[in-house]
PDB file of N, CA and C in Angstrom:
ATOM      1  N   UNK A   1      30.673  76.180  69.841  1.00  0.00           N
ATOM      2  CA  UNK A   1      32.052  76.565  69.647  1.00  0.00           C
ATOM      3  C   UNK A   1      32.469  77.649  70.634  1.00  0.00           C
ATOM      4  N   UNK A   2      31.672  78.663  70.801  1.00  0.00           N
ATOM      5  CA  UNK A   2      31.915  79.798  71.686  1.00  0.00           C
ATOM      6  C   UNK A   2      33.284  80.418  71.464  1.00  0.00           C
ATOM      7  N   UNK A   3      33.385  81.204  70.420  1.00  0.00           N
ATOM      8  CA  UNK A   3      34.644  81.772  69.977  1.00  0.00           C
ATOM      9  C   UNK A   3      34.926  83.149  70.543  1.00  0.00           C
ATOM     10  N   UNK A   4      34.016  83.757  71.281  1.00  0.00           N
ATOM     11  CA  UNK A   4      34.254  85.138  71.648  1.00  0.00           C
ATOM     12  C   UNK A   4      33.978  85.512  73.085  1.00  0.00           C
ATOM     13  N   UNK A   5      33.131  84.845  73.780  1.00  0.00           N
ATOM     14  CA  UNK A   5      32.598  85.368  75.023  1.00  0.00           C
ATOM     15  C   UNK A   5      33.577  85.297  76.188  1.00  0.00           C
ATOM     16  N   UNK A   6      33.657  86.413  76.905  1.00  0.00           N
ATOM     17  CA  UNK A   6      34.380  86.439  78.167  1.00  0.00           C
ATOM     18  C   UNK A   6      33.479  86.961  79.273  1.00  0.00           C
ATOM     19  N   UNK A   7      32.357  87.558  78.914  1.00  0.00           N
ATOM     20  CA  UNK A   7      31.423  88.118  79.888  1.00  0.00           C
ATOM     21  C   UNK A   7      30.175  87.248  79.950  1.00  0.00           C
ATOM     22  N   UNK A   8      29.500  87.260  81.110  1.00  0.00           N
ATOM     23  CA  UNK A   8      28.256  86.506  81.204  1.00  0.00           C
ATOM     24  C   UNK A   8      27.258  87.023  80.166  1.00  0.00           C
ATOM     25  N   UNK A   9      26.471  86.117  79.639  1.00  0.00           N
ATOM     26  CA  UNK A   9      25.552  86.503  78.581  1.00  0.00           C
ATOM     27  C   UNK A   9      24.288  85.680  78.674  1.00  0.00           C
ATOM     28  N   UNK A  10      23.204  86.250  78.155  1.00  0.00           N
ATOM     29  CA  UNK A  10      21.960  85.500  78.068  1.00  0.00           C
ATOM     30  C   UNK A  10      21.833  84.835  76.706  1.00  0.00           C
ATOM     31  N   UNK A  11      22.827  85.027  75.851  1.00  0.00           N
ATOM     32  CA  UNK A  11      22.834  84.399  74.533  1.00  0.00           C
ATOM     33  C   UNK A  11      23.306  82.954  74.636  1.00  0.00           C
ATOM     34  N   UNK A  12      22.810  82.141  73.737  1.00  0.00           N
ATOM     35  CA  UNK A  12      23.319  80.766  73.652  1.00  0.00           C
ATOM     36  C   UNK A  12      24.699  80.803  73.004  1.00  0.00           C
ATOM     37  N   UNK A  13      25.407  79.704  73.063  1.00  0.00           N
ATOM     38  CA  UNK A  13      26.721  79.608  72.426  1.00  0.00           C
ATOM     39  C   UNK A  13      26.600  79.865  70.932  1.00  0.00           C
ATOM     40  N   UNK A  14      25.577  79.292  70.298  1.00  0.00           N
ATOM     41  CA  UNK A  14      25.373  79.507  68.864  1.00  0.00           C
ATOM     42  C   UNK A  14      25.124  80.983  68.565  1.00  0.00           C
ATOM     43  N   UNK A  15      24.326  81.634  69.405  1.00  0.00           N
ATOM     44  CA  UNK A  15      24.037  83.056  69.206  1.00  0.00           C
ATOM     45  C   UNK A  15      25.287  83.911  69.404  1.00  0.00           C
ATOM     46  N   UNK A  16      26.093  83.577  70.401  1.00  0.00           N
ATOM     47  CA  UNK A  16      27.341  84.316  70.637  1.00  0.00           C
ATOM     48  C   UNK A  16      28.282  84.189  69.446  1.00  0.00           C
ATOM     49  N   UNK A  17      28.403  82.988  68.923  1.00  0.00           N
ATOM     50  CA  UNK A  17      29.288  82.758  67.778  1.00  0.00           C
ATOM     51  C   UNK A  17      28.752  83.471  66.533  1.00  0.00           C
ATOM     52  N   UNK A  18      27.450  83.409  66.333  1.00  0.00           N
ATOM     53  CA  UNK A  18      26.836  84.108  65.199  1.00  0.00           C
ATOM     54  C   UNK A  18      27.051  85.610  65.332  1.00  0.00           C
ATOM     55  N   UNK A  19      26.929  86.128  66.528  1.00  0.00           N
ATOM     56  CA  UNK A  19      27.151  87.555  66.765  1.00  0.00           C
ATOM     57  C   UNK A  19      28.592  87.940  66.461  1.00  0.00           C
ATOM     58  N   UNK A  20      29.544  87.134  66.897  1.00  0.00           N
ATOM     59  CA  UNK A  20      30.962  87.427  66.637  1.00  0.00           C
ATOM     60  C   UNK A  20      31.239  87.472  65.137  1.00  0.00           C
ATOM     61  N   UNK A  21      30.698  86.534  64.394  1.00  0.00           N
ATOM     62  CA  UNK A  21      30.902  86.499  62.947  1.00  0.00           C
ATOM     63  C   UNK A  21      30.218  87.681  62.264  1.00  0.00           C
ATOM     64  N   UNK A  22      29.018  88.013  62.714  1.00  0.00           N
ATOM     65  CA  UNK A  22      28.290  89.146  62.135  1.00  0.00           C
ATOM     66  C   UNK A  22      28.999  90.455  62.424  1.00  0.00           C
ATOM     67  N   UNK A  23      29.453  90.631  63.654  1.00  0.00           N
ATOM     68  CA  UNK A  23      30.178  91.863  64.006  1.00  0.00           C
ATOM     69  C   UNK A  23      31.457  91.999  63.181  1.00  0.00           C
ATOM     70  N   UNK A  24      32.161  90.910  62.982  1.00  0.00           N
ATOM     71  CA  UNK A  24      33.389  90.953  62.183  1.00  0.00           C
ATOM     72  C   UNK A  24      33.062  91.325  60.737  1.00  0.00           C
ATOM     73  N   UNK A  25      31.993  90.767  60.184  1.00  0.00           N
ATOM     74  CA  UNK A  25      31.584  91.083  58.806  1.00  0.00           C
ATOM     75  C   UNK A  25      31.237  92.562  58.679  1.00  0.00           C
ATOM     76  N   UNK A  26      30.485  93.079  59.630  1.00  0.00           N
ATOM     77  CA  UNK A  26      30.096  94.487  59.588  1.00  0.00           C
ATOM     78  C   UNK A  26      31.304  95.407  59.706  1.00  0.00           C
ATOM     79  N   UNK A  27      32.223  95.066  60.572  1.00  0.00           N
ATOM     80  CA  UNK A  27      33.409  95.905  60.753  1.00  0.00           C
ATOM     81  C   UNK A  27      34.279  95.907  59.497  1.00  0.00           C
ATOM     82  N   UNK A  28      34.411  94.770  58.859  1.00  0.00           N
ATOM     83  CA  UNK A  28      35.167  94.708  57.604  1.00  0.00           C
ATOM     84  C   UNK A  28      34.504  95.610  56.564  1.00  0.00           C
ATOM     85  N   UNK A  29      33.203  95.471  56.400  1.00  0.00           N
ATOM     86  CA  UNK A  29      32.479  96.265  55.403  1.00  0.00           C
ATOM     87  C   UNK A  29      32.539  97.757  55.704  1.00  0.00           C
ATOM     88  N   UNK A  30      32.287  98.111  56.946  1.00  0.00           N
ATOM     89  CA  UNK A  30      32.272  99.533  57.320  1.00  0.00           C
ATOM     90  C   UNK A  30      33.644 100.179  57.175  1.00  0.00           C
ATOM     91  N   UNK A  31      34.671  99.481  57.584  1.00  0.00           N
ATOM     92  CA  UNK A  31      36.015 100.060  57.490  1.00  0.00           C
ATOM     93  C   UNK A  31      36.452 100.196  56.038  1.00  0.00           C
ATOM     94  N   UNK A  32      36.042  99.267  55.190  1.00  0.00           N
ATOM     95  CA  UNK A  32      36.351  99.371  53.759  1.00  0.00           C
ATOM     96  C   UNK A  32      35.615 100.565  53.150  1.00  0.00           C
ATOM     97  N   UNK A  33      34.345 100.686  53.474  1.00  0.00           N
ATOM     98  CA  UNK A  33      33.537 101.791  52.933  1.00  0.00           C
ATOM     99  C   UNK A  33      34.058 103.152  53.384  1.00  0.00           C
ATOM    100  N   UNK A  34      34.596 103.216  54.592  1.00  0.00           N
ATOM    101  CA  UNK A  34      35.105 104.495  55.109  1.00  0.00           C
ATOM    102  C   UNK A  34      36.518 104.791  54.599  1.00  0.00           C
ATOM    103  N   UNK A  35      37.090 103.842  53.875  1.00  0.00           N
ATOM    104  CA  UNK A  35      38.444 103.973  53.313  1.00  0.00           C
ATOM    105  C   UNK A  35      39.499 104.213  54.409  1.00  0.00           C
ATOM    106  N   UNK A  36      39.241 103.616  55.567  1.00  0.00           N
ATOM    107  CA  UNK A  36      40.160 103.718  56.706  1.00  0.00           C
ATOM    108  C   UNK A  36      41.031 102.460  56.711  1.00  0.00           C
ATOM    109  N   UNK A  37      42.219 102.574  56.137  1.00  0.00           N
ATOM    110  CA  UNK A  37      43.087 101.401  55.973  1.00  0.00           C
ATOM    111  C   UNK A  37      43.517 100.787  57.301  1.00  0.00           C
ATOM    112  N   UNK A  38      43.763 101.615  58.286  1.00  0.00           N
ATOM    113  CA  UNK A  38      44.173 101.108  59.597  1.00  0.00           C
ATOM    114  C   UNK A  38      43.032 100.315  60.245  1.00  0.00           C
ATOM    115  N   UNK A  39      41.846 100.876  60.167  1.00  0.00           N
ATOM    116  CA  UNK A  39      40.664 100.201  60.726  1.00  0.00           C
ATOM    117  C   UNK A  39      40.381  98.905  59.962  1.00  0.00           C
ATOM    118  N   UNK A  40      40.540  98.937  58.642  1.00  0.00           N
ATOM    119  CA  UNK A  40      40.324  97.731  57.835  1.00  0.00           C
ATOM    120  C   UNK A  40      41.339  96.657  58.200  1.00  0.00           C
ATOM    121  N   UNK A  41      42.588  97.036  58.372  1.00  0.00           N
ATOM    122  CA  UNK A  41      43.620  96.063  58.751  1.00  0.00           C
ATOM    123  C   UNK A  41      43.273  95.417  60.092  1.00  0.00           C
ATOM    124  N   UNK A  42      42.795  96.219  61.045  1.00  0.00           N
ATOM    125  CA  UNK A  42      42.414  95.687  62.357  1.00  0.00           C
ATOM    126  C   UNK A  42      41.208  94.756  62.230  1.00  0.00           C
ATOM    127  N   UNK A  43      40.238  95.132  61.395  1.00  0.00           N
ATOM    128  CA  UNK A  43      39.048  94.299  61.200  1.00  0.00           C
ATOM    129  C   UNK A  43      39.412  92.972  60.542  1.00  0.00           C
ATOM    130  N   UNK A  44      40.287  93.021  59.558  1.00  0.00           N
ATOM    131  CA  UNK A  44      40.724  91.799  58.882  1.00  0.00           C
ATOM    132  C   UNK A  44      41.500  90.898  59.839  1.00  0.00           C
ATOM    133  N   UNK A  45      42.332  91.507  60.679  1.00  0.00           N
ATOM    134  CA  UNK A  45      43.100  90.740  61.659  1.00  0.00           C
ATOM    135  C   UNK A  45      42.165  90.054  62.657  1.00  0.00           C
ATOM    136  N   UNK A  46      41.174  90.792  63.127  1.00  0.00           N
ATOM    137  CA  UNK A  46      40.211  90.213  64.080  1.00  0.00           C
ATOM    138  C   UNK A  46      39.458  89.055  63.435  1.00  0.00           C
ATOM    139  N   UNK A  47      39.039  89.253  62.183  1.00  0.00           N
ATOM    140  CA  UNK A  47      38.313  88.199  61.481  1.00  0.00           C
ATOM    141  C   UNK A  47      39.189  86.967  61.274  1.00  0.00           C
ATOM    142  N   UNK A  48      40.440  87.192  60.902  1.00  0.00           N
ATOM    143  CA  UNK A  48      41.351  86.065  60.704  1.00  0.00           C
ATOM    144  C   UNK A  48      41.539  85.292  62.009  1.00  0.00           C
ATOM    145  N   UNK A  49      41.694  86.001  63.104  1.00  0.00           N
ATOM    146  CA  UNK A  49      41.829  85.335  64.413  1.00  0.00           C
ATOM    147  C   UNK A  49      40.577  84.529  64.749  1.00  0.00           C
ATOM    148  N   UNK A  50      39.432  85.079  64.419  1.00  0.00           N
ATOM    149  CA  UNK A  50      38.171  84.374  64.646  1.00  0.00           C
ATOM    150  C   UNK A  50      38.157  83.057  63.867  1.00  0.00           C
ATOM    151  N   UNK A  51      38.587  83.098  62.610  1.00  0.00           N
ATOM    152  CA  UNK A  51      38.604  81.900  61.778  1.00  0.00           C
ATOM    153  C   UNK A  51      39.698  80.922  62.178  1.00  0.00           C
ATOM    154  N   UNK A  52      40.806  81.419  62.688  1.00  0.00           N
ATOM    155  CA  UNK A  52      41.835  80.519  63.233  1.00  0.00           C
ATOM    156  C   UNK A  52      41.250  79.786  64.442  1.00  0.00           C
ATOM    157  N   UNK A  53      40.480  80.507  65.247  1.00  0.00           N
ATOM    158  CA  UNK A  53      39.812  79.885  66.394  1.00  0.00           C
ATOM    159  C   UNK A  53      38.825  78.815  65.955  1.00  0.00           C
ATOM    160  N   UNK A  54      38.059  79.116  64.915  1.00  0.00           N
ATOM    161  CA  UNK A  54      37.102  78.135  64.388  1.00  0.00           C
ATOM    162  C   UNK A  54      37.854  76.887  63.931  1.00  0.00           C
ATOM    163  N   UNK A  55      38.913  77.100  63.165  1.00  0.00           N
ATOM    164  CA  UNK A  55      39.691  75.966  62.649  1.00  0.00           C
ATOM    165  C   UNK A  55      40.272  75.130  63.800  1.00  0.00           C
ATOM    166  N   UNK A  56      40.773  75.791  64.808  1.00  0.00           N
ATOM    167  CA  UNK A  56      41.341  75.092  65.961  1.00  0.00           C
ATOM    168  C   UNK A  56      40.285  74.249  66.666  1.00  0.00           C
ATOM    169  N   UNK A  57      39.120  74.848  66.886  1.00  0.00           N
ATOM    170  CA  UNK A  57      38.050  74.126  67.578  1.00  0.00           C
ATOM    171  C   UNK A  57      37.545  72.926  66.787  1.00  0.00           C
ATOM    172  N   UNK A  58      37.335  73.104  65.490  1.00  0.00           N
ATOM    173  CA  UNK A  58      36.781  71.988  64.717  1.00  0.00           C
ATOM    174  C   UNK A  58      37.824  70.933  64.389  1.00  0.00           C
ATOM    175  N   UNK A  59      39.092  71.265  64.503  1.00  0.00           N
ATOM    176  CA  UNK A  59      40.159  70.294  64.233  1.00  0.00           C
ATOM    177  C   UNK A  59      40.396  69.360  65.407  1.00  0.00           C
ATOM    178  N   UNK A  60      39.859  69.703  66.540  1.00  0.00           N
ATOM    179  CA  UNK A  60      40.036  68.887  67.733  1.00  0.00           C
ATOM    180  C   UNK A  60      39.327  67.542  67.566  1.00  0.00           C
ATOM    181  N   UNK A  61      40.014  66.492  67.952  1.00  0.00           N
ATOM    182  CA  UNK A  61      39.436  65.149  67.870  1.00  0.00           C
ATOM    183  C   UNK A  61      38.196  65.023  68.760  1.00  0.00           C
ATOM    184  N   UNK A  62      38.128  65.819  69.811  1.00  0.00           N
ATOM    185  CA  UNK A  62      36.998  65.761  70.739  1.00  0.00           C
ATOM    186  C   UNK A  62      35.780  66.526  70.233  1.00  0.00           C
ATOM    187  N   UNK A  63      35.919  67.298  69.170  1.00  0.00           N
ATOM    188  CA  UNK A  63      34.804  68.077  68.671  1.00  0.00           C
ATOM    189  C   UNK A  63      33.744  67.132  68.110  1.00  0.00           C
ATOM    190  N   UNK A  64      32.487  67.272  68.577  1.00  0.00           N
ATOM    191  CA  UNK A  64      31.435  66.325  68.185  1.00  0.00           C
ATOM    192  C   UNK A  64      30.789  66.598  66.825  1.00  0.00           C
ATOM    193  N   UNK A  65      31.182  67.653  66.141  1.00  0.00           N
ATOM    194  CA  UNK A  65      30.573  67.938  64.839  1.00  0.00           C
ATOM    195  C   UNK A  65      30.846  66.799  63.852  1.00  0.00           C
ATOM    196  N   UNK A  66      29.910  66.575  62.949  1.00  0.00           N
ATOM    197  CA  UNK A  66      30.145  65.567  61.899  1.00  0.00           C
ATOM    198  C   UNK A  66      31.360  65.968  61.051  1.00  0.00           C
ATOM    199  N   UNK A  67      32.069  64.982  60.549  1.00  0.00           N
ATOM    200  CA  UNK A  67      33.294  65.223  59.783  1.00  0.00           C
ATOM    201  C   UNK A  67      33.052  66.134  58.579  1.00  0.00           C
ATOM    202  N   UNK A  68      31.913  65.985  57.920  1.00  0.00           N
ATOM    203  CA  UNK A  68      31.624  66.819  56.739  1.00  0.00           C
ATOM    204  C   UNK A  68      31.560  68.301  57.123  1.00  0.00           C
ATOM    205  N   UNK A  69      30.961  68.606  58.246  1.00  0.00           N
ATOM    206  CA  UNK A  69      30.879  69.999  58.700  1.00  0.00           C
ATOM    207  C   UNK A  69      32.258  70.495  59.104  1.00  0.00           C
ATOM    208  N   UNK A  70      33.004  69.656  59.808  1.00  0.00           N
ATOM    209  CA  UNK A  70      34.374  70.034  60.179  1.00  0.00           C
ATOM    210  C   UNK A  70      35.203  70.361  58.933  1.00  0.00           C
ATOM    211  N   UNK A  71      35.126  69.484  57.937  1.00  0.00           N
ATOM    212  CA  UNK A  71      35.891  69.691  56.710  1.00  0.00           C
ATOM    213  C   UNK A  71      35.488  70.985  56.019  1.00  0.00           C
ATOM    214  N   UNK A  72      34.194  71.267  55.961  1.00  0.00           N
ATOM    215  CA  UNK A  72      33.725  72.505  55.335  1.00  0.00           C
ATOM    216  C   UNK A  72      34.232  73.740  56.083  1.00  0.00           C
ATOM    217  N   UNK A  73      34.197  73.697  57.399  1.00  0.00           N
ATOM    218  CA  UNK A  73      34.666  74.843  58.182  1.00  0.00           C
ATOM    219  C   UNK A  73      36.183  75.024  58.044  1.00  0.00           C
ATOM    220  N   UNK A  74      36.908  73.944  57.960  1.00  0.00           N
ATOM    221  CA  UNK A  74      38.359  74.032  57.758  1.00  0.00           C
ATOM    222  C   UNK A  74      38.660  74.635  56.389  1.00  0.00           C
ATOM    223  N   UNK A  75      37.911  74.209  55.377  1.00  0.00           N
ATOM    224  CA  UNK A  75      38.096  74.794  54.035  1.00  0.00           C
ATOM    225  C   UNK A  75      37.749  76.282  54.029  1.00  0.00           C
ATOM    226  N   UNK A  76      36.677  76.640  54.709  1.00  0.00           N
ATOM    227  CA  UNK A  76      36.304  78.057  54.790  1.00  0.00           C
ATOM    228  C   UNK A  76      37.366  78.858  55.523  1.00  0.00           C
ATOM    229  N   UNK A  77      37.942  78.282  56.548  1.00  0.00           N
ATOM    230  CA  UNK A  77      39.019  78.953  57.278  1.00  0.00           C
ATOM    231  C   UNK A  77      40.206  79.223  56.357  1.00  0.00           C
ATOM    232  N   UNK A  78      40.538  78.254  55.537  1.00  0.00           N
ATOM    233  CA  UNK A  78      41.632  78.438  54.575  1.00  0.00           C
ATOM    234  C   UNK A  78      41.280  79.511  53.549  1.00  0.00           C
ATOM    235  N   UNK A  79      40.044  79.518  53.100  1.00  0.00           N
ATOM    236  CA  UNK A  79      39.570  80.523  52.158  1.00  0.00           C
ATOM    237  C   UNK A  79      39.691  81.924  52.757  1.00  0.00           C
ATOM    238  N   UNK A  80      39.242  82.073  54.008  1.00  0.00           N
ATOM    239  CA  UNK A  80      39.313  83.371  54.676  1.00  0.00           C
ATOM    240  C   UNK A  80      40.770  83.812  54.818  1.00  0.00           C
ATOM    241  N   UNK A  81      41.643  82.899  55.206  1.00  0.00           N
ATOM    242  CA  UNK A  81      43.064  83.248  55.329  1.00  0.00           C
ATOM    243  C   UNK A  81      43.629  83.684  53.983  1.00  0.00           C
ATOM    244  N   UNK A  82      43.329  82.942  52.936  1.00  0.00           N
ATOM    245  CA  UNK A  82      43.830  83.282  51.597  1.00  0.00           C
ATOM    246  C   UNK A  82      43.342  84.664  51.177  1.00  0.00           C
ATOM    247  N   UNK A  83      42.056  84.924  51.328  1.00  0.00           N
ATOM    248  CA  UNK A  83      41.490  86.220  50.927  1.00  0.00           C
ATOM    249  C   UNK A  83      42.055  87.350  51.778  1.00  0.00           C
ATOM    250  N   UNK A  84      42.281  87.089  53.049  1.00  0.00           N
ATOM    251  CA  UNK A  84      42.842  88.114  53.935  1.00  0.00           C
ATOM    252  C   UNK A  84      44.259  88.462  53.498  1.00  0.00           C
ATOM    253  N   UNK A  85      45.050  87.460  53.186  1.00  0.00           N
ATOM    254  CA  UNK A  85      46.426  87.715  52.752  1.00  0.00           C
ATOM    255  C   UNK A  85      46.467  88.407  51.394  1.00  0.00           C
ATOM    256  N   UNK A  86      45.473  88.153  50.562  1.00  0.00           N
ATOM    257  CA  UNK A  86      45.388  88.850  49.272  1.00  0.00           C
ATOM    258  C   UNK A  86      45.211  90.353  49.458  1.00  0.00           C
ATOM    259  N   UNK A  87      44.663  90.740  50.574  1.00  0.00           N
ATOM    260  CA  UNK A  87      44.414  92.159  50.839  1.00  0.00           C
ATOM    261  C   UNK A  87      45.708  92.948  50.985  1.00  0.00           C
ATOM    262  N   UNK A  88      46.825  92.284  51.183  1.00  0.00           N
ATOM    263  CA  UNK A  88      48.108  92.991  51.262  1.00  0.00           C
ATOM    264  C   UNK A  88      48.427  93.681  49.940  1.00  0.00           C
ATOM    265  N   UNK A  89      47.834  93.191  48.859  1.00  0.00           N
ATOM    266  CA  UNK A  89      48.015  93.803  47.544  1.00  0.00           C
ATOM    267  C   UNK A  89      46.995  94.907  47.289  1.00  0.00           C
ATOM    268  N   UNK A  90      46.180  95.192  48.269  1.00  0.00           N
ATOM    269  CA  UNK A  90      45.151  96.218  48.143  1.00  0.00           C
ATOM    270  C   UNK A  90      43.762  95.618  48.261  1.00  0.00           C
ATOM    271  N   UNK A  91      42.925  96.302  49.003  1.00  0.00           N
ATOM    272  CA  UNK A  91      41.563  95.830  49.214  1.00  0.00           C
ATOM    273  C   UNK A  91      40.734  96.089  47.960  1.00  0.00           C
ATOM    274  N   UNK A  92      39.853  95.145  47.674  1.00  0.00           N
ATOM    275  CA  UNK A  92      38.909  95.364  46.579  1.00  0.00           C
ATOM    276  C   UNK A  92      37.536  94.890  47.032  1.00  0.00           C
ATOM    277  N   UNK A  93      36.533  95.453  46.408  1.00  0.00           N
ATOM    278  CA  UNK A  93      35.166  95.202  46.835  1.00  0.00           C
ATOM    279  C   UNK A  93      34.795  93.719  46.743  1.00  0.00           C
ATOM    280  N   UNK A  94      35.288  93.018  45.743  1.00  0.00           N
ATOM    281  CA  UNK A  94      34.956  91.604  45.566  1.00  0.00           C
ATOM    282  C   UNK A  94      35.464  90.769  46.756  1.00  0.00           C
ATOM    283  N   UNK A  95      36.680  91.025  47.180  1.00  0.00           N
ATOM    284  CA  UNK A  95      37.248  90.276  48.305  1.00  0.00           C
ATOM    285  C   UNK A  95      36.554  90.638  49.608  1.00  0.00           C
ATOM    286  N   UNK A  96      36.275  91.928  49.805  1.00  0.00           N
ATOM    287  CA  UNK A  96      35.566  92.370  51.010  1.00  0.00           C
ATOM    288  C   UNK A  96      34.202  91.690  51.086  1.00  0.00           C
ATOM    289  N   UNK A  97      33.489  91.674  49.978  1.00  0.00           N
ATOM    290  CA  UNK A  97      32.171  91.029  49.953  1.00  0.00           C
ATOM    291  C   UNK A  97      32.275  89.531  50.215  1.00  0.00           C
ATOM    292  N   UNK A  98      33.299  88.888  49.671  1.00  0.00           N
ATOM    293  CA  UNK A  98      33.476  87.446  49.891  1.00  0.00           C
ATOM    294  C   UNK A  98      33.699  87.147  51.370  1.00  0.00           C
ATOM    295  N   UNK A  99      34.541  87.939  52.025  1.00  0.00           N
ATOM    296  CA  UNK A  99      34.810  87.721  53.448  1.00  0.00           C
ATOM    297  C   UNK A  99      33.566  87.994  54.292  1.00  0.00           C
ATOM    298  N   UNK A 100      32.912  89.115  54.038  1.00  0.00           N
ATOM    299  CA  UNK A 100      31.717  89.457  54.818  1.00  0.00           C
ATOM    300  C   UNK A 100      30.606  88.437  54.603  1.00  0.00           C
ATOM    301  N   UNK A 101      30.390  88.039  53.357  1.00  0.00           N
ATOM    302  CA  UNK A 101      29.331  87.069  53.069  1.00  0.00           C
ATOM    303  C   UNK A 101      29.615  85.699  53.672  1.00  0.00           C
ATOM    304  N   UNK A 102      30.866  85.299  53.696  1.00  0.00           N
ATOM    305  CA  UNK A 102      31.223  84.024  54.330  1.00  0.00           C
ATOM    306  C   UNK A 102      30.817  84.055  55.801  1.00  0.00           C
ATOM    307  N   UNK A 103      31.187  85.132  56.484  1.00  0.00           N
ATOM    308  CA  UNK A 103      30.827  85.255  57.901  1.00  0.00           C
ATOM    309  C   UNK A 103      29.312  85.248  58.095  1.00  0.00           C
ATOM    310  N   UNK A 104      28.611  86.009  57.263  1.00  0.00           N
ATOM    311  CA  UNK A 104      27.161  86.119  57.426  1.00  0.00           C
ATOM    312  C   UNK A 104      26.456  84.788  57.145  1.00  0.00           C
ATOM    313  N   UNK A 105      26.947  84.035  56.175  1.00  0.00           N
ATOM    314  CA  UNK A 105      26.328  82.740  55.876  1.00  0.00           C
ATOM    315  C   UNK A 105      26.550  81.743  57.008  1.00  0.00           C
ATOM    316  N   UNK A 106      27.737  81.729  57.578  1.00  0.00           N
ATOM    317  CA  UNK A 106      27.998  80.819  58.703  1.00  0.00           C
ATOM    318  C   UNK A 106      27.194  81.264  59.918  1.00  0.00           C
ATOM    319  N   UNK A 107      27.113  82.561  60.130  1.00  0.00           N
ATOM    320  CA  UNK A 107      26.300  83.093  61.227  1.00  0.00           C
ATOM    321  C   UNK A 107      24.849  82.657  61.078  1.00  0.00           C
ATOM    322  N   UNK A 108      24.330  82.775  59.875  1.00  0.00           N
ATOM    323  CA  UNK A 108      22.956  82.346  59.604  1.00  0.00           C
ATOM    324  C   UNK A 108      22.791  80.852  59.878  1.00  0.00           C
ATOM    325  N   UNK A 109      23.772  80.063  59.480  1.00  0.00           N
ATOM    326  CA  UNK A 109      23.725  78.628  59.737  1.00  0.00           C
ATOM    327  C   UNK A 109      23.713  78.302  61.220  1.00  0.00           C
ATOM    328  N   UNK A 110      24.492  79.051  61.995  1.00  0.00           N
ATOM    329  CA  UNK A 110      24.513  78.845  63.439  1.00  0.00           C
ATOM    330  C   UNK A 110      23.157  79.172  64.058  1.00  0.00           C
ATOM    331  N   UNK A 111      22.553  80.250  63.608  1.00  0.00           N
ATOM    332  CA  UNK A 111      21.233  80.637  64.141  1.00  0.00           C
ATOM    333  C   UNK A 111      20.166  79.663  63.698  1.00  0.00           C
ATOM    334  N   UNK A 112      20.276  79.139  62.490  1.00  0.00           N
ATOM    335  CA  UNK A 112      19.332  78.148  62.004  1.00  0.00           C
ATOM    336  C   UNK A 112      19.443  76.872  62.833  1.00  0.00           C
ATOM    337  N   UNK A 113      20.678  76.477  63.153  1.00  0.00           N
ATOM    338  CA  UNK A 113      20.916  75.284  63.979  1.00  0.00           C
ATOM    339  C   UNK A 113      20.284  75.467  65.355  1.00  0.00           C
ATOM    340  N   UNK A 114      20.427  76.679  65.896  1.00  0.00           N
ATOM    341  CA  UNK A 114      19.878  76.984  67.221  1.00  0.00           C
ATOM    342  C   UNK A 114      18.373  76.849  67.240  1.00  0.00           C
ATOM    343  N   UNK A 115      17.720  77.218  66.148  1.00  0.00           N
ATOM    344  CA  UNK A 115      16.262  77.237  66.130  1.00  0.00           C
ATOM    345  C   UNK A 115      15.655  75.852  65.915  1.00  0.00           C
ATOM    346  N   UNK A 116      16.460  74.859  65.654  1.00  0.00           N
ATOM    347  CA  UNK A 116      15.921  73.505  65.421  1.00  0.00           C
ATOM    348  C   UNK A 116      15.724  72.747  66.704  1.00  0.00           C
TER     349      UNK A 116
END
């Protein structure tokens, strides 16, 4: 997918994507824990953009992923958008954990795919 890279890297595409998702999860968690609303808003925005990118890539007819994986990623993208918009009513630990865990699980899946 390669959702983040603009600089040369020794990482594989899967590793770059996993890193982007992990970094977004960490930033969401850290900004929530620090009670920095501005930083949290920026982290949530970055994460949402990342998931919009994922949805765009997997929605492409040329994307070689199996349809079941595409459908799951599209559903997850919708979930992330819904949870992000819920944050306008105030951040809560349950929603923060859901967003961070979603990113970390997909990141883990990408790294697992790479190792096969």
